């Protein structure tokens, strides 16, 4: 993973700590990255099981969360 992906994962994790999900627009606002590039990064992270995605009907957009790991 590159540095930008790590920063995005950290951003998503920090928002989740505040009980907030993350939409591509949040990442765009925070980092100034084009939405298309953000969506590509989020897709890669999702396929690597670093984040999960759900659709928010109220805002009509995809939202992202960190993948929870099971601790024994």
Protein backbone atom coordinates (compact mmCIF):
# COMPACT_ATOMS: atom_id res chain seq x y z
CA UNK A 1 0.00 0.00 0.00
CA UNK A 2 1.17 3.48 -0.69
CA UNK A 3 1.18 6.43 1.69
CA UNK A 4 -2.03 7.92 0.34
CA UNK A 5 -3.92 4.65 0.86
CA UNK A 6 -2.64 4.49 4.44
CA UNK A 7 -3.78 8.08 5.06
CA UNK A 8 -7.23 7.30 3.69
CA UNK A 9 -7.54 4.18 5.86
CA UNK A 10 -6.48 6.20 8.90
CA UNK A 11 -9.03 8.90 8.01
CA UNK A 12 -11.80 6.29 7.71
CA UNK A 13 -10.76 4.73 11.04
CA UNK A 14 -10.74 8.09 12.80
CA UNK A 15 -14.21 8.95 11.52
CA UNK A 16 -15.45 5.53 12.65
CA UNK A 17 -14.16 6.23 16.17
CA UNK A 18 -16.61 9.16 16.17
CA UNK A 19 -19.39 6.84 14.92
CA UNK A 20 -19.24 8.39 11.46
CA UNK A 21 -19.04 6.61 8.14
CA UNK A 22 -16.98 8.01 5.27
CA UNK A 23 -18.15 8.94 1.79
CA UNK A 24 -15.86 9.74 -1.15
CA UNK A 25 -16.89 13.40 -0.79
CA UNK A 26 -15.45 13.46 2.75
CA UNK A 27 -12.10 12.25 1.42
CA UNK A 28 -12.27 14.77 -1.43
CA UNK A 29 -12.84 17.61 1.04
CA UNK A 30 -10.07 16.45 3.38
CA UNK A 31 -7.37 15.61 0.83
CA UNK A 32 -8.39 17.51 -2.32
CA UNK A 33 -8.27 14.38 -4.48
CA UNK A 34 -10.54 13.95 -7.50
CA UNK A 35 -13.59 11.76 -6.81
CA UNK A 36 -12.70 9.32 -9.62
CA UNK A 37 -9.27 8.67 -8.09
CA UNK A 38 -10.82 8.29 -4.63
CA UNK A 39 -13.28 5.71 -5.93
CA UNK A 40 -10.43 3.70 -7.48
CA UNK A 41 -8.48 3.75 -4.21
CA UNK A 42 -11.56 2.77 -2.19
CA UNK A 43 -12.25 -0.10 -4.60
CA UNK A 44 -8.67 -1.40 -4.15
CA UNK A 45 -8.90 -1.13 -0.37
CA UNK A 46 -12.26 -2.88 -0.41
CA UNK A 47 -10.95 -5.81 -2.46
CA UNK A 48 -8.06 -6.16 0.00
CA UNK A 49 -10.58 -6.35 2.88
CA UNK A 50 -9.21 -3.18 4.51
CA UNK A 51 -12.59 -1.42 4.35
CA UNK A 52 -16.20 -2.39 3.73
CA UNK A 53 -18.89 -0.53 1.81
CA UNK A 54 -22.59 0.02 2.31
CA UNK A 55 -25.13 2.18 0.54
CA UNK A 56 -26.73 5.03 2.48
CA UNK A 57 -30.26 5.54 1.13
CA UNK A 58 -30.75 8.82 2.98
CA UNK A 59 -27.76 10.50 1.31
CA UNK A 60 -27.88 8.26 -1.79
CA UNK A 61 -24.17 7.46 -1.72
CA UNK A 62 -21.76 4.68 -0.81
CA UNK A 63 -20.29 4.85 2.68
CA UNK A 64 -17.12 3.14 3.90
CA UNK A 65 -16.12 1.64 7.23
CA UNK A 66 -12.96 -0.06 8.47
CA UNK A 67 -13.13 -3.85 8.47
CA UNK A 68 -13.45 -5.04 12.04
CA UNK A 69 -11.06 -7.74 13.16
CA UNK A 70 -12.07 -10.35 15.69
CA UNK A 71 -9.96 -10.23 18.84
CA UNK A 72 -9.65 -13.30 21.03
